[in-house]
N, C-alpha and C. Protein backbone atom coordinates (compact mmCIF):
# COMPACT_ATOMS: atom_id res chain seq x y z
N MET A 1 0.38 -1.15 0.44
CA MET A 1 0.28 0.06 0.24
C MET A 1 0.66 1.33 0.42
N THR A 2 2.01 1.22 0.84
CA THR A 2 2.90 2.16 0.93
C THR A 2 3.31 2.52 -0.58
N LEU A 3 4.01 1.55 -1.23
CA LEU A 3 4.23 1.70 -2.70
C LEU A 3 3.42 2.01 -3.27
N ALA A 4 2.41 1.65 -3.31
CA ALA A 4 1.52 2.45 -4.41
C ALA A 4 1.06 4.46 -4.34
N ARG A 5 0.89 3.84 -2.43
CA ARG A 5 0.63 6.04 -2.71
C ARG A 5 1.98 6.61 -3.32
N GLN A 6 3.20 5.56 -2.83
CA GLN A 6 4.25 6.78 -3.18
C GLN A 6 4.47 6.91 -4.74
N LEU A 7 4.28 5.84 -5.67
CA LEU A 7 4.41 5.98 -6.87
C LEU A 7 3.45 7.06 -7.47
N GLY A 8 1.50 6.99 -6.59
CA GLY A 8 1.01 7.48 -6.96
C GLY A 8 0.94 9.38 -6.60
N ARG A 9 2.20 9.43 -5.39
CA ARG A 9 2.80 10.98 -5.28
C ARG A 9 3.80 11.36 -6.44
N ALA A 10 4.80 10.17 -6.53
CA ALA A 10 5.42 10.32 -7.88
C ALA A 10 5.32 10.81 -9.14
N PHE A 11 4.71 9.42 -9.54
CA PHE A 11 3.83 9.30 -11.09
C PHE A 11 2.62 9.20 -11.17
N PRO A 12 1.39 9.99 -10.90
CA PRO A 12 0.29 9.51 -10.98
C PRO A 12 -0.22 9.52 -12.24
N LYS A 13 0.33 9.80 -13.12
CA LYS A 13 -0.45 9.09 -15.04
C LYS A 13 0.08 7.54 -14.47
N VAL A 14 1.22 7.24 -14.03
CA VAL A 14 1.44 5.50 -14.11
C VAL A 14 0.96 5.06 -13.36
N ALA A 15 0.70 5.70 -11.94
CA ALA A 15 0.43 5.19 -10.98
C ALA A 15 -1.34 4.80 -11.71
N GLY A 16 -2.48 5.72 -12.18
CA GLY A 16 -3.30 5.63 -12.33
C GLY A 16 -3.42 4.55 -13.71
N LEU A 17 -2.50 4.62 -14.38
CA LEU A 17 -2.60 3.54 -15.14
C LEU A 17 -2.45 1.84 -14.81
N ILE A 18 -1.48 1.80 -13.75
CA ILE A 18 -2.05 0.60 -12.84
C ILE A 18 -2.55 0.09 -12.05
N ALA A 19 -3.57 1.11 -11.59
CA ALA A 19 -5.07 0.92 -11.13
C ALA A 19 -5.67 0.60 -12.05
N THR A 20 -6.14 0.57 -13.09
CA THR A 20 -6.93 0.18 -14.09
C THR A 20 -6.51 -1.17 -14.73
N MET A 21 -5.45 -1.88 -14.35
CA MET A 21 -5.14 -2.79 -15.12
C MET A 21 -6.12 -4.39 -14.52
N PRO A 22 -6.66 -4.94 -15.39
CA PRO A 22 -7.56 -6.03 -15.19
C PRO A 22 -7.25 -6.79 -14.17
N LEU A 23 -6.41 -6.26 -13.07
CA LEU A 23 -6.18 -7.92 -12.27
C LEU A 23 -7.43 -8.22 -11.71
N THR A 24 -8.78 -7.76 -11.11
CA THR A 24 -9.60 -8.37 -10.60
C THR A 24 -10.04 -9.52 -11.82
N THR A 25 -10.04 -8.95 -12.77
CA THR A 25 -10.90 -9.77 -13.71
C THR A 25 -9.63 -10.63 -14.16
N LEU A 26 -8.72 -10.73 -14.39
CA LEU A 26 -7.80 -11.66 -14.70
C LEU A 26 -7.97 -13.03 -13.62
N ILE A 27 -7.27 -12.39 -12.12
CA ILE A 27 -7.88 -13.96 -11.52
C ILE A 27 -8.98 -14.37 -11.26
N VAL A 28 -10.74 -13.55 -11.36
CA VAL A 28 -12.04 -14.35 -11.76
C VAL A 28 -11.92 -14.96 -12.88
N MET A 29 -10.92 -15.01 -14.42
CA MET A 29 -11.61 -15.64 -15.20
C MET A 29 -10.13 -16.51 -14.96
N LEU A 30 -9.27 -16.77 -14.08
CA LEU A 30 -8.70 -18.08 -13.78
C LEU A 30 -9.60 -19.14 -12.94
N TRP A 31 -10.52 -18.40 -12.07
CA TRP A 31 -10.92 -18.97 -11.10
C TRP A 31 -12.38 -19.70 -11.71
N LEU A 32 -12.74 -19.32 -12.41
CA LEU A 32 -13.67 -19.95 -13.40
C LEU A 32 -13.37 -20.59 -14.39
N TYR A 33 -12.01 -20.42 -14.54
CA TYR A 33 -11.39 -21.40 -15.70
C TYR A 33 -11.46 -22.64 -14.82
N SER A 34 -10.76 -22.87 -13.78
CA SER A 34 -10.37 -23.91 -12.95
C SER A 34 -11.46 -24.58 -12.68
N ASP A 35 -12.10 -23.53 -12.22
CA ASP A 35 -13.64 -24.27 -11.98
C ASP A 35 -14.64 -25.41 -12.98
N ARG A 36 -14.49 -24.46 -14.12
CA ARG A 36 -14.95 -25.64 -15.04
C ARG A 36 -14.11 -25.17 -16.34
N PRO A 37 -13.17 -25.99 -16.24
CA PRO A 37 -12.01 -26.27 -17.50
C PRO A 37 -12.75 -26.40 -19.07
N GLY A 38 -12.46 -25.58 -19.85
CA GLY A 38 -13.12 -26.10 -21.24
C GLY A 38 -14.86 -25.03 -21.53
N ASP A 39 -15.22 -24.76 -20.63
CA ASP A 39 -16.27 -23.96 -20.75
C ASP A 39 -16.49 -22.53 -21.14
N LEU A 40 -16.16 -22.57 -22.78
CA LEU A 40 -15.26 -21.27 -22.90
C LEU A 40 -17.15 -20.55 -23.00
N VAL A 41 -17.92 -21.02 -23.13
CA VAL A 41 -19.66 -20.26 -23.03
C VAL A 41 -19.58 -19.21 -21.72
N GLN A 42 -18.79 -20.02 -20.62
CA GLN A 42 -19.08 -19.05 -19.21
C GLN A 42 -17.72 -17.99 -19.72
N MET A 43 -17.26 -18.42 -20.04
CA MET A 43 -15.62 -17.10 -20.37
C MET A 43 -16.40 -16.17 -21.30
N ARG A 44 -17.09 -16.34 -22.13
CA ARG A 44 -17.53 -15.19 -22.84
C ARG A 44 -18.32 -14.43 -22.20
N ASP A 45 -19.47 -15.80 -21.74
CA ASP A 45 -20.47 -14.18 -21.32
C ASP A 45 -19.96 -13.76 -19.87
N TYR A 46 -18.66 -14.16 -19.11
CA TYR A 46 -18.21 -13.20 -18.35
C TYR A 46 -17.64 -11.89 -18.73
N THR A 47 -16.48 -12.59 -20.09
CA THR A 47 -16.10 -11.26 -20.48
C THR A 47 -17.05 -10.51 -20.84
N VAL A 48 -18.16 -10.47 -22.09
CA VAL A 48 -19.22 -9.56 -22.24
C VAL A 48 -19.43 -8.79 -21.01
N ALA A 49 -19.97 -8.94 -20.02
CA ALA A 49 -20.82 -8.96 -19.21
C ALA A 49 -18.95 -7.25 -18.49
N VAL A 50 -17.75 -7.71 -18.29
CA VAL A 50 -16.65 -7.24 -18.08
C VAL A 50 -17.14 -6.00 -19.34
N LEU A 51 -17.18 -6.06 -20.61
CA LEU A 51 -16.68 -5.32 -21.47
C LEU A 51 -18.32 -4.10 -21.47
N TYR A 52 -19.51 -4.66 -20.64
CA TYR A 52 -20.49 -3.74 -20.92
C TYR A 52 -20.24 -2.95 -19.41
N GLY A 53 -19.15 -3.48 -17.92
CA GLY A 53 -19.19 -3.15 -16.84
C GLY A 53 -17.84 -2.23 -17.07
N ILE A 54 -17.39 -1.70 -18.34
CA ILE A 54 -16.34 -0.59 -18.38
C ILE A 54 -17.48 0.51 -18.26
N ALA A 55 -18.27 0.48 -19.14
CA ALA A 55 -18.84 2.00 -19.53
C ALA A 55 -18.75 2.96 -17.90
N PRO A 56 -20.48 1.64 -16.70
CA PRO A 56 -20.11 2.92 -15.55
C PRO A 56 -18.80 3.35 -14.92
N SER A 57 -17.78 2.38 -15.15
CA SER A 57 -16.24 2.69 -14.32
C SER A 57 -15.98 3.87 -15.01
N VAL A 58 -16.19 3.97 -16.32
CA VAL A 58 -15.92 5.34 -17.45
C VAL A 58 -17.01 6.33 -16.64
N GLN A 59 -17.50 5.99 -16.69
CA GLN A 59 -19.08 7.48 -16.56
C GLN A 59 -18.25 8.68 -14.73
N PHE A 60 -18.33 6.92 -13.64
CA PHE A 60 -17.70 7.72 -12.51
C PHE A 60 -16.28 8.44 -12.68
N PHE A 61 -15.56 8.40 -13.75
CA PHE A 61 -14.13 8.85 -13.87
C PHE A 61 -14.56 10.25 -14.65
N VAL A 62 -15.10 10.21 -15.75
CA VAL A 62 -15.89 11.26 -16.17
C VAL A 62 -16.09 12.19 -14.99
N VAL A 63 -16.94 12.00 -14.42
CA VAL A 63 -17.76 12.90 -13.36
C VAL A 63 -16.57 13.19 -12.20
N ALA A 64 -15.83 12.14 -11.95
CA ALA A 64 -14.79 12.77 -10.92
C ALA A 64 -13.92 13.51 -11.69
N TYR A 65 -13.23 13.36 -12.68
CA TYR A 65 -12.56 14.37 -13.53
C TYR A 65 -12.85 15.56 -13.64
N VAL A 66 -14.64 15.84 -14.27
CA VAL A 66 -15.09 17.05 -14.38
C VAL A 66 -15.05 17.86 -12.60
N CYS A 67 -15.81 17.12 -11.81
CA CYS A 67 -15.69 17.57 -10.78
C CYS A 67 -14.24 18.23 -10.13
N PHE A 68 -13.16 17.44 -10.25
CA PHE A 68 -12.11 18.10 -9.58
C PHE A 68 -11.25 19.24 -10.27
N ARG A 69 -11.89 19.09 -12.08
CA ARG A 69 -11.47 20.45 -12.63
C ARG A 69 -12.44 21.84 -12.30
N ARG A 70 -13.38 21.40 -11.69
CA ARG A 70 -14.09 22.87 -10.79
C ARG A 70 -13.79 22.76 -9.43
N GLY A 71 -13.28 21.70 -8.79
CA GLY A 71 -12.97 22.21 -7.22
C GLY A 71 -13.74 22.05 -6.33
N VAL A 72 -14.94 21.06 -7.18
CA VAL A 72 -15.39 20.29 -5.84
C VAL A 72 -14.28 19.20 -4.76
N ARG A 73 -14.95 19.41 -3.72
CA ARG A 73 -14.57 18.51 -2.87
C ARG A 73 -14.29 17.34 -2.89
N VAL A 74 -13.74 16.62 -2.44
CA VAL A 74 -13.49 14.89 -2.67
C VAL A 74 -14.41 14.34 -2.22
N PRO A 75 -15.30 14.40 -0.99
CA PRO A 75 -16.26 13.56 -0.64
C PRO A 75 -17.46 13.75 -1.52
N VAL A 76 -17.68 14.91 -2.07
CA VAL A 76 -18.90 15.07 -3.00
C VAL A 76 -18.82 14.69 -3.82
N THR A 77 -17.18 14.56 -4.93
CA THR A 77 -16.76 14.41 -6.16
C THR A 77 -17.28 12.83 -6.22
N LEU A 78 -16.73 12.05 -4.97
CA LEU A 78 -16.67 10.37 -4.84
C LEU A 78 -18.05 10.11 -5.02
N CYS A 79 -19.16 11.06 -4.46
CA CYS A 79 -20.60 10.64 -4.31
C CYS A 79 -20.68 10.95 -5.71
N ALA A 80 -20.59 11.77 -6.17
CA ALA A 80 -21.30 12.19 -7.56
C ALA A 80 -20.93 11.13 -8.24
N GLY A 81 -19.58 10.77 -8.11
CA GLY A 81 -19.48 9.59 -9.09
C GLY A 81 -19.63 7.94 -8.91
N LEU A 82 -19.67 8.47 -7.57
CA LEU A 82 -20.53 6.92 -7.15
C LEU A 82 -22.33 7.01 -8.09
N GLU A 83 -23.03 7.78 -7.83
CA GLU A 83 -23.89 8.23 -7.84
C GLU A 83 -24.30 7.45 -9.12
N GLU A 84 -23.17 8.36 -10.51
CA GLU A 84 -23.02 8.05 -12.03
C GLU A 84 -22.86 6.75 -12.35
N TRP A 85 -21.84 5.86 -11.23
CA TRP A 85 -21.70 4.70 -11.34
C TRP A 85 -22.94 3.71 -11.05
N LEU A 86 -23.91 4.52 -10.20
CA LEU A 86 -24.95 3.42 -10.01
C LEU A 86 -25.58 3.56 -11.09
N VAL A 87 -26.14 4.42 -11.47
CA VAL A 87 -26.86 4.91 -12.88
C VAL A 87 -26.37 3.51 -13.85
N GLY A 88 -25.06 3.69 -14.30
CA GLY A 88 -24.38 3.41 -15.53
C GLY A 88 -24.55 1.41 -14.99
N ALA A 89 -24.40 1.59 -13.75
CA ALA A 89 -24.26 -0.33 -13.52
C ALA A 89 -25.98 -0.60 -13.82
N GLY A 90 -26.90 0.53 -13.08
CA GLY A 90 -28.31 -0.57 -13.36
C GLY A 90 -28.60 -0.53 -14.85
N LEU A 91 -28.35 0.61 -15.70
CA LEU A 91 -28.18 0.40 -17.27
C LEU A 91 -28.10 -0.71 -17.64
N HIS A 92 -26.60 -1.39 -17.49
CA HIS A 92 -25.69 -2.32 -17.63
C HIS A 92 -26.55 -3.82 -17.18
N LEU A 93 -27.24 -3.45 -16.02
CA LEU A 93 -27.94 -4.91 -15.77
C LEU A 93 -29.09 -4.31 -16.50
N TRP A 94 -29.79 -4.04 -17.11
CA TRP A 94 -31.08 -4.01 -17.60
C TRP A 94 -30.64 -4.35 -19.21
N LEU A 95 -29.63 -4.21 -19.54
CA LEU A 95 -29.07 -4.13 -21.21
C LEU A 95 -28.70 -5.57 -21.30
N LEU A 96 -28.42 -5.87 -20.03
CA LEU A 96 -27.89 -7.33 -19.85
C LEU A 96 -28.78 -8.46 -19.83
N HIS A 97 -29.86 -8.13 -18.59
CA HIS A 97 -30.88 -8.86 -18.66
C HIS A 97 -32.17 -8.28 -19.54
N GLY A 98 -32.37 -7.20 -19.86
CA GLY A 98 -33.72 -7.00 -19.82
C GLY A 98 -33.93 -7.30 -20.84
N PHE A 99 -33.31 -7.55 -22.07
CA PHE A 99 -33.48 -7.82 -23.61
C PHE A 99 -33.62 -9.04 -24.07
N ARG A 100 -33.64 -10.20 -22.78
CA ARG A 100 -33.46 -11.61 -23.19
C ARG A 100 -34.80 -12.20 -22.95
N PRO A 101 -35.30 -13.05 -24.18
CA PRO A 101 -36.45 -13.39 -24.43
C PRO A 101 -36.96 -14.34 -23.09
N ARG A 102 -38.12 -14.39 -23.13
CA ARG A 102 -38.52 -15.14 -22.20
C ARG A 102 -38.72 -16.86 -22.56
N ALA A 103 -38.36 -17.67 -21.94
CA ALA A 103 -38.57 -19.17 -22.16
C ALA A 103 -39.85 -19.29 -21.70
């Protein structure tokens, strides 16, 4: 944690890039594969959900960036970004599950 904080202080752009690395996604993909080796349908569905999930995360950071540019306090910025992420995540779930034909 201290190394990450120091890196962020010295090289915020590099730290931001490292923070967006798909480490959690990679770990989950490995777990899914180890649970059901060869189930490419599950891997494909997970990958599609991750791709859809990128949009709410981008929305969060766009809101945070705009707030920080305008001098908005950190707690307000984080709440605004979280609110935007929740809206995007709700849309994400609706898009993934709302258009499926009923069996």
